[in-house]
Protein backbone atom coordinates (compact mmCIF):
# COMPACT_ATOMS: atom_id res chain seq x y z
CA MET A 1 111.63 66.43 36.16
CA THR A 2 111.39 62.96 37.72
CA ARG A 3 115.03 62.40 36.79
CA ILE A 4 115.97 65.58 38.67
CA ILE A 5 114.04 64.56 41.79
CA LEU A 6 115.92 61.27 41.95
CA TYR A 7 118.98 63.36 42.78
CA SER A 8 117.17 65.92 44.91
CA PHE A 9 119.27 65.30 47.98
CA ILE A 10 122.65 64.76 46.36
CA LEU A 11 124.29 67.61 48.18
CA TYR A 12 127.80 68.46 47.06
CA LEU A 13 129.75 69.48 50.13
CA CYS A 14 131.46 72.75 50.50
CA SER A 15 133.00 75.12 48.04
CA SER A 16 136.43 76.41 49.01
CA CYS A 17 135.10 79.90 48.23
CA THR A 18 133.08 80.14 51.42
CA ASN A 19 133.01 83.16 53.66
CA ASN A 20 132.24 82.56 57.35
CA PHE A 21 131.13 79.04 56.45
CA LEU A 22 132.88 75.66 56.26
CA ASP A 23 136.20 75.27 54.55
CA LYS A 24 136.67 72.82 51.71
CA GLN A 25 135.23 69.37 52.51
CA PRO A 26 135.25 66.07 50.60
CA SER A 27 133.03 66.29 47.56
CA PHE A 28 131.54 62.81 47.92
CA ALA A 29 127.82 62.80 47.16
CA THR A 30 125.31 61.61 49.75
CA THR A 31 121.65 60.68 49.56
CA ASN A 32 121.29 60.90 53.35
CA ASN A 33 118.93 63.74 54.23
CA LYS A 34 120.24 63.65 57.80
CA LEU A 35 122.84 66.14 56.62
CA LEU A 36 120.20 68.85 57.02
CA GLU A 37 119.50 67.98 60.65
CA SER A 38 122.53 69.88 61.91
CA ALA A 39 123.36 73.56 61.62
CA GLN A 40 126.74 72.77 60.10
CA GLY A 41 125.13 70.35 57.66
CA ILE A 42 122.74 73.05 56.46
CA LYS A 43 125.65 75.40 55.84
CA SER A 44 127.53 72.65 54.03
CA ALA A 45 124.53 71.96 51.84
CA LEU A 46 124.25 75.63 50.88
CA ASN A 47 127.95 75.70 50.06
CA GLY A 48 127.32 72.69 47.87
CA CYS A 49 124.74 74.67 45.91
CA TYR A 50 127.33 77.36 45.24
CA SER A 51 129.87 74.76 44.13
CA GLN A 52 127.52 73.39 41.50
CA LEU A 53 127.50 76.79 39.79
CA GLN A 54 131.15 76.13 38.95
CA SER A 55 130.27 73.25 36.63
CA GLN A 56 131.49 73.47 33.05
CA TYR A 57 127.85 73.05 32.05
CA TYR A 58 126.76 76.12 34.00
CA TYR A 59 128.66 79.29 34.89
CA GLY A 60 132.00 77.53 34.65
CA ARG A 61 131.78 77.67 30.85
CA ASN A 62 128.78 76.53 28.83
CA PHE A 63 126.07 78.86 30.08
CA ILE A 64 128.21 81.77 28.88
CA LEU A 65 129.58 80.38 25.63
CA ILE A 66 126.27 78.91 24.47
CA GLN A 67 124.91 82.46 24.33
CA GLU A 68 127.97 83.96 22.68
CA THR A 69 128.23 81.34 19.91
CA PHE A 70 124.48 81.31 19.30
CA THR A 71 124.42 85.07 18.61
CA ASP A 72 126.58 87.48 16.64
CA ASN A 73 129.36 87.88 19.21
CA ALA A 74 131.43 84.77 18.56
CA LYS A 75 132.30 82.11 16.05
CA LEU A 76 134.16 78.80 15.94
CA SER A 77 137.91 79.18 15.53
CA ASN A 78 140.06 77.35 13.01
CA LYS A 79 141.20 75.16 15.92
CA ASN A 80 137.65 74.21 16.95
CA VAL A 81 136.97 70.47 16.92
CA GLY A 82 133.19 70.67 17.29
CA HIS A 83 132.68 72.51 20.59
CA PHE A 84 129.42 74.52 20.53
CA SER A 85 128.99 73.85 16.80
CA SER A 86 125.28 73.06 17.11
CA PHE A 87 124.70 76.43 18.79
CA TYR A 88 126.69 78.32 16.20
CA SER A 89 124.84 76.59 13.33
CA TRP A 90 121.42 76.96 15.02
CA SER A 91 120.88 73.20 14.85
CA VAL A 92 120.14 72.53 18.53
CA THR A 93 117.87 69.56 19.26
CA ALA A 94 116.03 68.35 22.36
CA ASN A 95 118.75 65.70 22.81
CA ASN A 96 121.50 68.31 23.18
CA GLU A 97 123.78 67.15 25.99
CA GLU A 98 124.95 70.63 27.00
CA LEU A 99 121.38 71.80 27.59
CA SER A 100 120.36 68.57 29.33
CA GLN A 101 123.26 68.83 31.75
CA LEU A 102 122.63 72.53 32.43
CA TRP A 103 118.95 71.84 33.10
CA ALA A 104 119.79 68.96 35.46
CA ILE A 105 122.36 70.94 37.46
CA ALA A 106 120.09 73.98 37.76
CA TYR A 107 117.13 71.96 39.02
CA ASN A 108 119.32 69.94 41.34
CA ILE A 109 120.41 73.19 43.00
CA ILE A 110 116.79 74.35 43.21
CA ILE A 111 115.62 71.09 44.80
CA ASN A 112 118.47 71.26 47.31
CA ILE A 113 117.59 74.86 48.16
CA ASN A 114 113.97 73.83 48.67
CA ALA A 115 115.19 71.36 51.30
CA ILE A 116 117.59 73.82 52.92
CA LEU A 117 115.01 76.56 53.47
CA PRO A 118 112.64 74.67 55.84
CA ALA A 119 115.57 72.91 57.51
CA ALA A 120 117.15 76.25 58.39
CA GLU A 121 113.87 77.66 59.63
CA LYS A 122 113.21 74.85 62.11
CA ASN A 123 116.79 74.32 63.28
CA THR A 124 117.08 75.26 66.96
CA HIS A 125 120.88 75.63 67.00
CA LEU A 126 121.04 78.46 64.46
CA LYS A 127 120.75 82.04 65.64
CA GLN A 128 118.03 84.07 63.95
CA SER A 129 120.68 86.17 62.23
CA GLU A 130 122.24 83.00 60.82
CA LYS A 131 118.87 81.75 59.63
CA ASP A 132 118.19 85.03 57.88
CA ILE A 133 121.50 84.93 56.02
CA ILE A 134 121.15 81.28 55.00
CA LYS A 135 117.58 81.80 53.78
CA GLY A 136 118.43 85.09 52.09
CA GLU A 137 121.36 83.58 50.18
CA ALA A 138 119.33 80.50 49.24
CA LEU A 139 116.37 82.55 47.99
CA THR A 140 118.64 84.81 45.95
CA LEU A 141 120.41 81.83 44.42
CA ARG A 142 117.10 80.15 43.56
CA ALA A 143 115.86 83.37 41.97
CA ILE A 144 119.00 83.67 39.82
CA ILE A 145 118.67 80.10 38.61
CA TYR A 146 114.99 80.48 37.71
CA TYR A 147 115.85 83.70 35.90
CA ASP A 148 118.49 81.85 33.89
CA LEU A 149 116.21 78.93 33.08
CA VAL A 150 113.13 80.90 32.07
CA ARG A 151 115.14 83.03 29.65
CA LEU A 152 116.80 80.00 28.05
CA PHE A 153 113.87 77.60 27.83
CA ALA A 154 110.85 79.88 27.39
CA HIS A 155 109.88 82.60 24.93
CA ASP A 156 110.28 86.21 26.03
CA TYR A 157 107.83 87.63 28.56
CA SER A 158 106.44 90.27 26.21
CA ILE A 159 105.65 88.21 23.08
CA THR A 160 102.07 88.66 21.90
CA SER A 161 101.62 85.94 19.28
CA GLY A 162 102.98 82.74 17.78
CA ILE A 163 102.58 80.56 20.86
CA ALA A 164 99.66 79.46 23.04
CA GLY A 165 98.93 81.87 25.87
CA ALA A 166 101.10 84.70 24.55
CA ASN A 167 99.50 87.97 25.67
CA GLY A 168 102.43 90.35 26.09
CA LYS A 169 102.41 89.67 29.83
CA GLY A 170 104.02 86.27 30.14
CA GLY A 171 100.86 84.22 29.75
CA HIS A 172 102.62 81.47 27.77
CA ALA A 173 104.45 78.38 29.03
CA GLY A 174 107.55 79.01 31.09
CA ILE A 175 109.37 76.31 33.04
CA PRO A 176 108.50 73.93 35.90
CA LEU A 177 108.32 75.93 39.12
CA ILE A 178 109.07 74.07 42.35
CA THR A 179 109.43 76.01 45.60
CA SER A 180 109.13 73.32 48.30
CA PRO A 181 110.26 69.73 48.86
CA ILE A 182 108.46 67.38 46.53
CA SER A 183 107.84 63.63 46.44
CA LEU A 184 108.64 61.38 43.50
CA ASP A 185 104.94 60.84 42.81
CA SER A 186 104.31 64.58 42.70
CA ALA A 187 107.37 65.09 40.52
CA LYS A 188 105.80 62.93 37.83
CA LYS A 189 102.92 65.40 37.59
CA VAL A 190 104.82 68.71 37.50
CA SER A 191 103.93 70.94 34.55
CA ARG A 192 105.31 74.19 33.18
CA SER A 193 104.21 77.35 34.96
CA SER A 194 103.60 80.48 32.90
CA VAL A 195 106.45 82.92 32.36
CA ASN A 196 104.53 85.49 34.38
CA THR A 197 104.22 83.08 37.32
CA VAL A 198 107.94 82.35 37.19
CA PHE A 199 108.79 86.06 37.06
CA ASN A 200 106.53 86.71 40.03
CA GLN A 201 108.30 83.96 42.00
CA ILE A 202 111.69 85.42 41.13
CA LEU A 203 110.53 88.80 42.40
CA THR A 204 109.06 87.27 45.56
CA ASP A 205 112.30 85.43 46.35
CA ALA A 206 114.57 88.37 45.59
CA LEU A 207 112.47 90.91 47.49
CA HIS A 208 112.29 88.61 50.52
CA ALA A 209 116.06 88.10 50.34
CA ASP A 210 116.54 91.88 50.23
CA THR A 211 115.03 92.11 53.71
CA LEU A 212 116.77 89.02 55.10
CA LEU A 213 120.29 90.01 54.05
CA GLN A 214 120.42 93.46 55.62
CA GLN A 215 122.87 92.37 58.32
CA GLN A 216 125.03 90.15 56.14
CA THR A 217 128.67 91.15 55.67
CA PHE A 218 129.05 91.93 51.99
CA SER A 219 131.11 89.51 49.91
CA PRO A 220 130.83 89.32 46.11
CA LEU A 221 131.55 85.58 46.34
CA ARG A 222 128.23 84.96 48.13
CA CYS A 223 124.73 85.97 47.15
CA ASN A 224 124.16 89.20 49.05
CA GLN A 225 121.65 92.00 49.44
CA LYS A 226 123.01 93.87 46.42
CA THR A 227 122.68 90.68 44.35
CA ALA A 228 119.01 90.47 45.30
CA GLN A 229 118.45 94.16 44.54
CA THR A 230 120.19 93.86 41.16
CA LEU A 231 118.01 90.90 40.24
CA VAL A 232 114.88 92.83 41.26
CA ALA A 233 115.97 95.78 39.11
CA ASN A 234 116.53 93.44 36.14
CA ILE A 235 113.08 91.89 36.48
CA TYR A 236 111.38 95.28 36.72
CA LEU A 237 113.25 96.46 33.62
CA HIS A 238 112.02 93.34 31.84
CA LEU A 239 108.46 94.16 32.96
CA LYS A 240 108.95 97.79 31.83
CA ASN A 241 108.24 99.02 35.34
CA TYR A 242 110.89 101.70 34.98
CA ASN A 243 110.25 103.46 38.29
CA LYS A 244 110.88 100.27 40.27
CA ALA A 245 113.86 99.33 38.10
CA ILE A 246 115.43 102.71 38.86
CA GLU A 247 114.62 102.44 42.59
CA TYR A 248 116.33 99.07 43.03
CA ALA A 249 119.25 99.85 40.74
CA ASN A 250 120.02 102.92 42.84
CA LYS A 251 119.71 100.88 46.05
CA ALA A 252 122.17 98.31 44.75
CA LEU A 253 124.64 101.00 43.65
CA GLU A 254 125.05 102.35 47.17
CA SER A 255 128.74 101.80 48.13
CA ILE A 256 129.47 100.08 44.80
CA GLN A 257 131.38 101.88 42.08
CA LEU A 258 132.75 101.23 38.61
CA GLU A 259 136.34 100.12 38.21
CA GLN A 260 138.43 102.93 36.77
CA ASN A 261 139.76 103.09 33.22
CA ASN A 262 143.37 102.45 34.22
CA THR A 263 142.56 99.40 36.37
CA PHE A 264 139.66 97.82 34.48
CA ILE A 265 141.61 95.30 32.39
CA GLN A 266 143.87 94.37 35.29
CA SER A 267 140.82 93.74 37.50
CA TRP A 268 139.92 90.69 35.42
CA SER A 269 143.06 89.00 36.72
CA GLN A 270 141.94 89.45 40.32
CA GLN A 271 139.42 87.64 42.49
CA TYR A 272 137.00 90.52 42.19
CA SER A 273 136.98 94.26 41.70
CA THR A 274 135.39 97.39 43.15
CA GLU A 275 132.36 96.85 40.90
CA SER A 276 131.80 93.15 41.69
CA ILE A 277 128.36 92.34 43.04
CA PHE A 278 128.21 88.56 42.71
CA SER A 279 130.73 86.24 41.09
CA VAL A 280 131.03 82.46 40.92
CA CYS A 281 134.30 81.65 42.67
CA MET A 282 137.10 79.45 41.34
CA THR A 283 140.26 78.68 43.33
CA PRO A 284 143.27 76.46 42.55
CA THR A 285 141.43 73.65 44.36
CA ASP A 286 138.38 74.14 42.16
CA ASN A 287 140.39 74.51 38.94
CA PRO A 288 138.36 72.90 36.10
CA GLY A 289 141.44 72.83 33.88
CA THR A 290 140.66 72.07 30.25
CA ASN A 291 136.92 72.35 30.96
CA SER A 292 137.20 76.01 31.96
CA ILE A 293 135.99 79.01 30.01
CA GLY A 294 139.51 80.43 30.05
CA HIS A 295 140.87 77.30 28.40
CA MET A 296 138.20 77.41 25.68
CA LEU A 297 138.91 81.07 24.85
CA SER A 298 142.69 81.17 25.14
CA PRO A 299 145.06 80.23 22.30
CA LYS A 300 147.16 78.60 25.05
CA GLY A 301 144.26 76.18 25.57
CA TYR A 302 141.67 74.92 23.10
CA GLY A 303 141.16 78.39 21.68
CA GLY A 304 137.98 77.02 20.16
CA ILE A 305 135.80 80.14 20.36
CA VAL A 306 136.86 83.54 18.98
CA PRO A 307 135.16 86.93 18.56
CA SER A 308 133.14 87.47 15.40
CA GLU A 309 134.02 90.10 12.83
CA ASP A 310 130.75 91.78 13.85
CA LEU A 311 132.01 92.28 17.39
CA LEU A 312 135.55 93.22 16.37
CA GLU A 313 134.39 96.03 14.12
CA ILE A 314 132.41 97.87 16.82
CA ILE A 315 135.21 97.86 19.42
CA ASN A 316 137.76 100.43 18.29
CA THR A 317 141.29 100.86 19.58
CA THR A 318 140.42 103.89 21.74
CA ASP A 319 138.13 101.63 23.80
CA ILE A 320 139.82 100.13 26.87
CA ARG A 321 137.84 96.95 26.18
CA SER A 322 139.81 96.49 22.95
CA GLN A 323 142.63 95.21 25.17
CA PHE A 324 140.66 92.00 25.63
CA ILE A 325 141.22 91.37 21.92
CA GLN A 326 144.58 89.75 21.19
CA LYS A 327 145.96 88.65 17.84
CA TYR A 328 147.65 85.29 17.45
CA GLN A 329 146.84 83.10 14.44
CA GLU A 330 143.36 84.59 14.85
CA TYR A 331 141.87 87.28 17.04
CA TYR A 332 140.99 85.99 20.51
CA PHE A 333 138.90 87.56 23.26
CA ILE A 334 140.86 87.10 26.49
CA LYS A 335 138.38 88.22 29.14
CA PHE A 336 139.23 85.32 31.43
CA PRO A 337 143.05 85.41 31.58
CA GLU A 338 145.46 83.31 33.58
CA ILE A 339 145.45 84.10 37.30
CA ASN A 340 148.68 83.27 39.11
CA ASN A 341 149.94 81.77 35.84
CA THR A 342 147.23 79.10 35.90
CA LEU A 343 144.86 78.96 32.96
CA GLY A 344 141.29 78.18 34.03
CA ILE A 345 141.13 79.86 37.42
CA ASN A 346 138.73 82.74 36.94
CA ASN A 347 135.89 84.05 39.05
CA ILE A 348 132.89 84.36 36.74
CA PRO A 349 130.90 87.59 37.17
CA VAL A 350 127.13 87.19 37.37
CA PHE A 351 126.34 90.79 38.29
CA ARG A 352 128.57 93.86 38.51
CA ALA A 353 128.03 97.59 38.81
CA SER A 354 127.91 98.00 35.03
CA ASP A 355 124.62 96.08 35.01
CA LEU A 356 123.08 98.74 37.21
CA TYR A 357 124.30 101.67 35.13
CA PHE A 358 122.75 100.13 32.04
CA ILE A 359 119.47 99.50 33.85
CA LEU A 360 119.40 103.15 34.88
CA ALA A 361 120.35 104.36 31.40
CA GLU A 362 117.66 102.30 29.67
CA ALA A 363 114.93 102.97 32.23
CA TYR A 364 115.52 106.74 32.25
CA ALA A 365 115.70 106.80 28.44
CA ASN A 366 112.31 105.12 28.17
CA LYS A 367 110.83 107.50 30.74
CA GLY A 368 112.29 110.36 28.71
CA LYS A 369 109.92 109.55 25.85
CA THR A 370 107.13 111.11 27.88
CA VAL A 371 109.13 113.36 30.22
CA PRO A 372 112.20 114.63 28.29
CA GLY A 373 113.93 115.72 31.47
CA PHE A 374 114.74 112.09 32.21
CA TYR A 375 117.02 111.96 29.17
CA THR A 376 119.64 113.84 31.18
CA LEU A 377 119.72 111.12 33.84
CA SER A 378 119.98 108.45 31.15
CA GLN A 379 122.83 110.31 29.47
CA GLN A 380 124.68 110.61 32.76
CA ALA A 381 124.42 106.87 33.44
CA LEU A 382 125.63 106.01 29.95
CA GLN A 383 128.40 108.60 30.16
CA SER A 384 129.77 106.87 33.26
CA ILE A 385 130.22 103.68 31.26
CA LYS A 386 131.66 105.46 28.22
CA GLN A 387 134.01 107.57 30.31
CA ARG A 388 135.47 104.39 31.80
CA ALA A 389 135.67 102.75 28.38
CA TYR A 390 137.23 105.65 26.49
CA ASN A 391 138.78 107.72 29.29
CA SER A 392 136.93 110.68 27.82
CA GLN A 393 134.82 113.44 29.33
CA GLU A 394 132.82 113.91 26.13
CA PRO A 395 129.15 114.25 27.15
CA VAL A 396 126.36 112.08 25.79
CA THR A 397 123.75 114.27 24.09
CA LEU A 398 121.59 111.74 22.23
CA THR A 399 117.88 111.43 22.96
CA GLY A 400 114.99 109.18 21.92
CA ASP A 401 115.67 106.01 19.95
CA ASN A 402 119.19 107.21 19.12
CA LEU A 403 119.99 107.22 22.82
CA LEU A 404 118.50 103.76 23.34
CA ASN A 405 120.42 102.34 20.40
CA GLU A 406 123.63 103.76 21.82
CA ILE A 407 122.83 102.16 25.18
CA TYR A 408 122.21 98.79 23.50
CA GLU A 409 125.48 98.90 21.56
CA GLU A 410 127.51 99.89 24.62
CA TYR A 411 125.82 97.08 26.54
CA ARG A 412 126.92 94.62 23.89
CA LYS A 413 130.52 95.82 24.08
CA GLU A 414 130.58 95.98 27.87
CA PHE A 415 129.30 92.44 28.42
CA ALA A 416 130.88 90.66 25.45
CA PHE A 417 131.75 87.08 26.45
CA GLU A 418 129.86 87.31 29.74
CA GLY A 419 126.83 85.38 28.50
CA LYS A 420 124.30 88.20 28.15
CA ARG A 421 124.02 88.83 24.40
CA LEU A 422 121.28 86.27 23.69
CA PHE A 423 119.18 87.54 26.58
CA GLN A 424 119.60 91.13 25.37
CA LEU A 425 118.49 90.34 21.81
CA LYS A 426 115.64 88.16 23.02
CA ARG A 427 114.27 90.80 25.40
CA LEU A 428 114.43 93.47 22.68
CA HIS A 429 112.88 91.15 20.07
CA GLN A 430 115.80 91.69 17.72
CA ASP A 431 116.99 89.32 15.02
CA ILE A 432 120.41 87.69 15.21
CA ALA A 433 122.11 89.12 12.13
CA ARG A 434 125.67 88.03 11.44
CA LYS A 435 127.45 90.08 8.81
CA ASN A 436 130.08 87.41 8.36
CA CYS A 437 129.46 83.80 9.28
CA ASN A 438 130.46 80.23 8.49
CA THR A 439 126.92 78.92 8.03
CA ASN A 440 124.50 78.94 5.13
CA ASN A 441 122.11 81.33 6.86
CA CYS A 442 123.45 84.38 8.71
CA ILE A 443 120.11 85.69 10.02
CA LEU A 444 117.85 84.16 12.65
CA SER A 445 114.56 86.00 13.06
CA CYS A 446 113.44 86.76 16.60
CA ASN A 447 110.17 85.04 15.64
CA ASN A 448 111.94 81.80 14.76
CA TYR A 449 111.19 78.91 17.11
CA LYS A 450 114.93 78.23 17.42
CA TYR A 451 115.35 81.46 19.38
CA THR A 452 114.11 79.51 22.40
CA PHE A 453 115.90 76.31 23.35
CA PRO A 454 114.06 72.98 23.65
CA ILE A 455 113.08 71.38 26.93
CA PRO A 456 115.48 68.40 27.28
CA TYR A 457 113.98 65.29 25.74
CA SER A 458 114.75 63.22 28.84
CA GLU A 459 112.36 65.41 30.85
CA ILE A 460 109.60 65.10 28.26
CA GLN A 461 110.02 61.31 28.37
CA THR A 462 109.70 60.99 32.14
CA ASN A 463 106.85 63.46 32.62
CA LYS A 464 104.05 63.73 30.08
CA ASN A 465 102.80 66.93 31.76
CA ILE A 466 105.86 68.84 30.56
CA THR A 467 105.14 70.07 27.06
CA GLN A 468 107.83 70.77 24.49
CA ASN A 469 108.45 74.16 22.95
CA PRO A 470 106.90 74.49 19.47
CA GLY A 471 109.12 73.41 16.59
CA TYR A 472 111.10 70.73 18.44
């Protein structure tokens, strides 16, 4: 953590994807905290936080493909020259560069946000409405990043054994939690907060943002009120508070709708669609080129990662999502196509309306176990997804575990190559079982220590209060 604090005020200036904020500015780093003394500097700093999400180590590529290659959704292509091989072979170590870089970028954004929040509050040149939007966006972004980190680097909230503090309610070690500016001396003493404490902070931030962003003009390229509500709904689903999950999912769905069957595939070649809630923006100026997710997945680029046979066999040709699958020398999953004939320019969805329909379907299905009438509401939510996928009016009639299993499989198909498969399996305590794989072992038990990634070794070295996950 000390290493992260050393860069706590390296504020990357301005993403070109801003909305009512600064346009693109020079991306030279600065260690001068005076940037936050002006209203425009505060806005620039927040834009810089957004721009760091674009990194190839975060949403720009690795955060998504780490999860796909680690699970049963993807495999290394015949063209692969070693990209993501340690994740595919389940041989990740604490010295893994991809994880170290992701950790560093995520905490750098968090530390910057922690400086932005009090600076915005005390700035006398910002209108109250501007302060609310800046703080609301910053809190939502911090909540998203903590949600990402705690699911990658800590065991699932509901585990009951196998690790110190596990009690089924997040009592075990999570990740370092920092919510205010911190000195270098204090940084050397930071320890890991419990998963429950981290989840509570995520809820606190997202709920506060929900109130602050009421007057913000909606844009799916900025954290917005619906982003905050979607995150709240996700957390409550994780906590099995189904009533609250349903409440916030329905709030977020107001004025948001699913893309239609005949426009769904085409929508992935556009900046965003009718169902976009929050996406990480990429423009020609931001183009990461060969480091992009599109380049890694396309046969016109590296083509290093391809869909597994396991995924291919569950997506049939009547499914609109089968159009993402294209056959060249191998089958490829082209979910991030060329935009304006430029490979690598793709806005990366973090949340979209589909997330909310699946939250509703799963929450209602679980409530239906005690009150069967809720099964109908679950079926309706799932039917909306299936109707879009298959262009069919055939009703969903399943109940009980059969309904839940159908929801889980549709979720897998819907979000393939969006970086959600590992989190789904982990939350459900399901093994990773590859039917066809290029490694000696095709099954990773959900109880295996490798299911949770190691805290980067560099952080363990610089702060003895940060303990390593068992097994590493």
